């Protein structure tokens, strides 16, 4: 679509079109029904859990992954007689663990279950056994797959997609898009780290320094390496992608100069803010 065609499209239509194609949630909300029985985390052993996870992955239609905090609602449709009169079913928290494990990773819809800020799970009496999952998040806290995680100066890994979501539809990320995104994350993660260090030196506690530096850190959620190492997501160490950026900059000096100028201005701003914050000393409780 060109700009003239887009002018007459309402935000609802844009969201709905993307949601139907699976490239975005509907204003942050996603829901899917799974027409097979849920398997509890402790039921049937490892092979049964892996088969259950594979079945969920095969059923998922989303082409995006949430990277921010989410609220998850799971509804189990089960036979109430089996629940009350037999040992065939498990406690609801056991089902929640198995389902959440299947929803994370590159084949799932969330990165890691530490993103789950709120979880509701319930069961309803039903002649047919199946389950539904609903996820809510901020409307922009998602990325189109595939997503790669890049290490930043604060030691955390931040997500970056190969495809950018735009109003006109998904767009392949260019080299400039890629390195601009990494440079922004690098500046903000590094700025956060520097601010915390300065504030700790000024006498603030770890928690105080963390909370007073939150305004300059990237909105993207960073993940600890331990949360990703077994997930299957691609992870790139900071030294590797910085070498790639240097090689790219040698062939694109004008574009690289723009990145350098922006980065220098940001670092200068962070240093001034850190110095001002340190001069105030430890805040009163």
Protein backbone atom coordinates (compact mmCIF):
# COMPACT_ATOMS: atom_id res chain seq x y z
CA UNK A 1 0.00 0.00 0.00
CA UNK A 2 1.15 3.57 -0.63
CA UNK A 3 0.57 6.55 1.69
CA UNK A 4 -2.65 7.61 -0.05
CA UNK A 5 -4.19 4.17 0.36
CA UNK A 6 -3.24 4.07 4.06
CA UNK A 7 -4.87 7.40 4.91
CA UNK A 8 -8.38 5.99 4.74
CA UNK A 9 -7.67 2.91 6.86
CA UNK A 10 -8.73 2.98 10.50
CA UNK A 11 -6.35 1.67 13.19
CA UNK A 12 -8.82 -1.14 13.93
CA UNK A 13 -8.61 -2.37 10.33
CA UNK A 14 -4.81 -2.22 10.36
CA UNK A 15 -4.63 -4.23 13.59
CA UNK A 16 -7.25 -6.70 12.42
CA UNK A 17 -5.48 -7.32 9.11
CA UNK A 18 -2.19 -7.99 10.88
CA UNK A 19 -3.82 -10.15 13.55
CA UNK A 20 -5.53 -12.29 10.91
CA UNK A 21 -2.16 -12.78 9.21
CA UNK A 22 -0.59 -13.64 12.58
CA UNK A 23 2.03 -10.87 12.46
CA UNK A 24 0.68 -8.89 15.43
CA UNK A 25 -1.67 -9.28 18.39
CA UNK A 26 -4.96 -7.35 18.29
CA UNK A 27 -4.05 -4.19 20.23
CA UNK A 28 -1.86 -6.38 22.44
CA UNK A 29 -4.37 -9.22 22.85
CA UNK A 30 -4.07 -12.75 21.49
CA UNK A 31 -6.27 -15.80 21.97
CA UNK A 32 -6.20 -19.36 20.65
CA UNK A 33 -8.11 -22.56 21.24
CA UNK A 34 -6.23 -25.88 21.34
CA UNK A 35 -8.46 -28.81 20.43
CA UNK A 36 -6.69 -31.50 22.42
CA UNK A 37 -6.38 -32.42 26.07
CA UNK A 38 -3.93 -30.48 28.27
CA UNK A 39 -1.11 -32.48 29.84
CA UNK A 40 0.03 -31.71 33.40
CA UNK A 41 3.70 -30.97 34.02
CA UNK A 42 4.12 -34.08 36.15
CA UNK A 43 1.90 -36.32 34.06
CA UNK A 44 3.34 -39.01 31.79
CA UNK A 45 7.00 -38.03 32.21
CA UNK A 46 9.36 -36.16 29.89
CA UNK A 47 8.31 -37.77 26.58
CA UNK A 48 4.65 -36.91 27.19
CA UNK A 49 5.52 -33.30 28.02
CA UNK A 50 7.71 -32.95 24.92
CA UNK A 51 4.98 -34.42 22.73
CA UNK A 52 2.49 -31.98 24.28
CA UNK A 53 4.83 -29.04 23.63
CA UNK A 54 5.35 -30.14 20.04
CA UNK A 55 1.61 -30.36 19.57
CA UNK A 56 1.14 -26.82 20.87
CA UNK A 57 3.93 -25.54 18.59
CA UNK A 58 2.29 -27.22 15.59
CA UNK A 59 -1.06 -25.63 16.46
CA UNK A 60 0.23 -22.09 17.03
CA UNK A 61 -0.48 -19.69 14.19
CA UNK A 62 1.31 -16.58 15.49
CA UNK A 63 4.25 -15.17 13.56
CA UNK A 64 5.25 -12.86 16.39
CA UNK A 65 6.62 -13.15 19.92
CA UNK A 66 5.86 -11.00 22.97
CA UNK A 67 9.00 -9.53 24.58
CA UNK A 68 7.42 -7.49 27.41
CA UNK A 69 5.37 -8.30 30.49
CA UNK A 70 2.21 -10.29 29.81
CA UNK A 71 -0.97 -11.38 31.55
CA UNK A 72 -1.98 -14.95 30.78
CA UNK A 73 -5.43 -16.52 31.15
CA UNK A 74 -5.79 -20.29 30.69
CA UNK A 75 -9.20 -21.96 30.60
CA UNK A 76 -9.37 -25.76 30.75
CA UNK A 77 -12.49 -27.50 29.44
CA UNK A 78 -12.56 -30.80 31.33
CA UNK A 79 -14.92 -33.56 32.46
CA UNK A 80 -16.01 -32.58 35.95
CA UNK A 81 -16.77 -36.19 36.89
CA UNK A 82 -13.19 -37.18 36.09
CA UNK A 83 -11.95 -34.25 38.19
CA UNK A 84 -14.06 -35.07 41.23
CA UNK A 85 -14.25 -38.85 41.15
CA UNK A 86 -11.01 -40.11 39.60
CA UNK A 87 -7.26 -39.48 39.65
CA UNK A 88 -7.11 -38.87 35.90
CA UNK A 89 -6.71 -35.08 36.19
CA UNK A 90 -4.15 -32.92 37.96
CA UNK A 91 -4.19 -29.68 39.93
CA UNK A 92 -4.60 -26.57 37.79
CA UNK A 93 -1.14 -25.23 38.67
CA UNK A 94 0.36 -28.39 37.17
CA UNK A 95 -1.40 -27.72 33.88
CA UNK A 96 -0.28 -24.08 33.95
CA UNK A 97 3.40 -25.04 34.18
CA UNK A 98 3.20 -27.42 31.21
CA UNK A 99 1.32 -24.93 29.02
CA UNK A 100 3.61 -21.99 29.84
CA UNK A 101 6.69 -24.09 29.10
CA UNK A 102 5.21 -24.88 25.67
CA UNK A 103 4.39 -21.23 24.93
CA UNK A 104 7.97 -19.95 25.35
CA UNK A 105 10.88 -20.06 22.95
CA UNK A 106 11.30 -19.35 19.22
CA UNK A 107 8.46 -21.74 18.36
CA UNK A 108 6.17 -20.24 21.01
CA UNK A 109 4.70 -16.82 21.67
CA UNK A 110 6.71 -15.53 24.66
CA UNK A 111 10.44 -15.48 25.29
CA UNK A 112 10.46 -16.76 28.85
CA UNK A 113 7.92 -17.34 31.60
CA UNK A 114 9.53 -14.59 33.72
CA UNK A 115 7.50 -12.25 31.51
CA UNK A 116 4.28 -13.54 33.06
CA UNK A 117 3.20 -10.77 35.42
CA UNK A 118 -0.24 -12.23 36.11
CA UNK A 119 -1.61 -15.73 35.59
CA UNK A 120 -5.21 -16.93 35.82
CA UNK A 121 -6.14 -20.56 35.26
CA UNK A 122 -9.54 -22.19 35.71
CA UNK A 123 -11.51 -25.20 34.54
CA UNK A 124 -15.02 -25.52 33.15
CA UNK A 125 -17.13 -28.66 32.95
CA UNK A 126 -17.30 -29.80 29.34
CA UNK A 127 -18.26 -32.83 27.25
CA UNK A 128 -15.26 -32.07 25.02
CA UNK A 129 -11.74 -31.79 26.44
CA UNK A 130 -9.65 -28.87 25.18
CA UNK A 131 -8.15 -25.61 26.46
CA UNK A 132 -7.87 -21.94 25.52
CA UNK A 133 -5.07 -19.46 26.16
CA UNK A 134 -5.42 -15.68 26.17
CA UNK A 135 -2.50 -13.27 26.47
CA UNK A 136 -2.62 -9.51 27.05
CA UNK A 137 0.29 -7.10 26.80
CA UNK A 138 1.06 -3.52 25.81
CA UNK A 139 0.10 -3.13 22.13
CA UNK A 140 3.68 -2.58 20.91
CA UNK A 141 5.49 -5.14 23.08
CA UNK A 142 5.95 -7.74 20.35
CA UNK A 143 8.30 -8.52 17.45
CA UNK A 144 7.82 -10.46 14.25
CA UNK A 145 9.75 -13.72 14.11
CA UNK A 146 12.56 -14.63 13.78
CA UNK A 147 14.03 -12.75 16.73
CA UNK A 148 17.71 -12.76 17.69
CA UNK A 149 19.11 -11.68 21.05
CA UNK A 150 22.14 -9.40 21.25
CA UNK A 151 24.32 -8.88 24.30
CA UNK A 152 24.55 -5.28 25.51
CA UNK A 153 26.94 -3.40 27.87
CA UNK A 154 24.78 -4.20 30.92
CA UNK A 155 25.36 -7.93 30.35
CA UNK A 156 21.76 -8.62 29.33
CA UNK A 157 20.53 -9.82 25.94
CA UNK A 158 18.03 -7.69 24.03
CA UNK A 159 15.73 -8.87 21.21
CA UNK A 160 15.89 -7.59 17.67
CA UNK A 161 13.84 -8.87 14.71
CA UNK A 162 14.81 -9.44 11.10
CA UNK A 163 11.42 -8.05 10.04
CA UNK A 164 9.97 -4.70 11.12
CA UNK A 165 6.24 -4.17 11.72
CA UNK A 166 4.93 -1.19 9.76
CA UNK A 167 1.43 0.11 9.01
CA UNK A 168 1.84 -0.92 5.39
CA UNK A 169 2.82 -4.43 6.45
CA UNK A 170 5.94 -6.33 7.53
CA UNK A 171 9.19 -4.99 6.08
CA UNK A 172 12.56 -6.71 5.93
CA UNK A 173 15.08 -4.93 8.14
CA UNK A 174 17.94 -3.25 6.23
CA UNK A 175 21.53 -3.18 7.49
CA UNK A 176 20.96 0.42 8.57
CA UNK A 177 17.79 -0.54 10.47
CA UNK A 178 19.68 -3.39 12.10
CA UNK A 179 22.66 -1.37 13.31
CA UNK A 180 20.54 1.65 14.32
CA UNK A 181 18.47 -0.66 16.51
CA UNK A 182 21.56 -2.24 18.06
CA UNK A 183 23.22 1.14 18.61
CA UNK A 184 20.15 2.55 20.36
CA UNK A 185 20.00 -0.49 22.66
CA UNK A 186 23.75 -0.24 23.24
CA UNK A 187 23.57 3.45 24.17
CA UNK A 188 20.66 3.04 26.55
CA UNK A 189 21.93 -0.14 28.21
CA UNK A 190 25.36 1.44 28.59
CA UNK A 191 23.82 4.67 29.88
CA UNK A 192 21.83 2.74 32.47
CA UNK A 193 24.95 0.92 33.61
CA UNK A 194 26.94 4.16 33.87
CA UNK A 195 24.18 5.93 35.77
CA UNK A 196 23.91 3.10 38.27
CA UNK A 197 27.67 3.11 38.83
CA UNK A 198 27.78 6.86 39.45
CA UNK A 199 24.83 6.70 41.85
CA UNK A 200 26.34 3.79 43.79
CA UNK A 201 29.55 5.78 44.11
CA UNK A 202 27.46 8.65 45.48
CA UNK A 203 26.16 6.41 48.26
CA UNK A 204 22.88 5.06 46.95
CA UNK A 205 21.94 1.43 47.53
CA UNK A 206 21.71 -1.01 44.63
CA UNK A 207 17.93 -0.71 44.60
CA UNK A 208 17.97 3.09 44.81
CA UNK A 209 20.49 3.33 41.97
CA UNK A 210 18.44 0.96 39.85
CA UNK A 211 15.20 2.87 40.36
CA UNK A 212 16.81 6.26 39.72
CA UNK A 213 18.29 5.10 36.40
CA UNK A 214 15.10 3.59 34.99
CA UNK A 215 14.22 6.73 33.02
CA UNK A 216 17.22 6.48 30.72
CA UNK A 217 17.14 2.77 29.96
CA UNK A 218 15.64 1.26 26.84
CA UNK A 219 11.97 0.28 26.88
CA UNK A 220 13.01 -3.10 25.51
CA UNK A 221 13.23 -5.85 28.10
CA UNK A 222 16.68 -7.37 28.52
CA UNK A 223 17.01 -11.06 29.40
CA UNK A 224 19.69 -12.74 31.48
CA UNK A 225 21.71 -15.30 29.54
CA UNK A 226 20.45 -18.12 31.77
CA UNK A 227 16.91 -17.44 30.52
CA UNK A 228 17.90 -17.92 26.89
CA UNK A 229 20.73 -20.45 26.76
CA UNK A 230 18.44 -23.49 26.48
CA UNK A 231 15.56 -21.75 24.72
CA UNK A 232 16.70 -22.15 21.12
CA UNK A 233 16.88 -18.42 20.38
CA UNK A 234 19.99 -17.23 18.54
CA UNK A 235 22.29 -15.24 20.86
CA UNK A 236 25.06 -12.91 19.66
CA UNK A 237 27.87 -11.80 22.04
CA UNK A 238 28.58 -8.07 22.12
CA UNK A 239 32.07 -8.43 20.64
CA UNK A 240 30.69 -10.27 17.59
CA UNK A 241 28.00 -7.79 16.59
CA UNK A 242 30.29 -4.83 17.26
CA UNK A 243 32.81 -6.33 14.80
CA UNK A 244 30.00 -6.72 12.27
CA UNK A 245 28.99 -3.08 12.77
CA UNK A 246 32.59 -1.92 12.29
CA UNK A 247 32.86 -3.87 9.03
CA UNK A 248 29.55 -2.40 7.83
CA UNK A 249 30.62 1.15 8.82
CA UNK A 250 33.75 0.90 6.70
CA UNK A 251 31.57 0.44 3.62
CA UNK A 252 28.92 2.99 4.67
CA UNK A 253 30.91 5.92 6.15
CA UNK A 254 28.10 8.51 5.88
CA UNK A 255 25.54 6.32 7.59
CA UNK A 256 28.10 5.27 10.18
CA UNK A 257 28.93 8.92 10.93
CA UNK A 258 25.28 9.57 11.72
CA UNK A 259 25.26 6.71 14.23
CA UNK A 260 28.45 7.97 15.85
CA UNK A 261 27.10 11.52 16.21
CA UNK A 262 23.86 10.32 17.80
CA UNK A 263 25.74 8.01 20.17
CA UNK A 264 28.14 10.77 21.24
CA UNK A 265 25.27 13.17 21.99
CA UNK A 266 23.46 10.55 24.03
CA UNK A 267 26.55 9.64 26.06
CA UNK A 268 27.15 13.32 26.80
CA UNK A 269 23.56 13.70 28.02
CA UNK A 270 23.84 10.63 30.25
CA UNK A 271 27.10 11.84 31.78
CA UNK A 272 25.56 15.23 32.58
CA UNK A 273 22.50 13.60 34.13
CA UNK A 274 24.64 11.22 36.15
CA UNK A 275 26.81 14.04 37.44
CA UNK A 276 23.74 16.07 38.43
CA UNK A 277 22.17 13.08 40.18
CA UNK A 278 25.39 12.30 42.05
CA UNK A 279 25.67 15.93 43.19
CA UNK A 280 22.28 15.64 44.88
CA UNK A 281 23.60 12.85 47.06
CA UNK A 282 21.56 10.07 48.52
CA UNK A 283 17.80 10.88 48.40
CA UNK A 284 15.93 11.13 51.68
CA UNK A 285 13.48 8.35 52.45
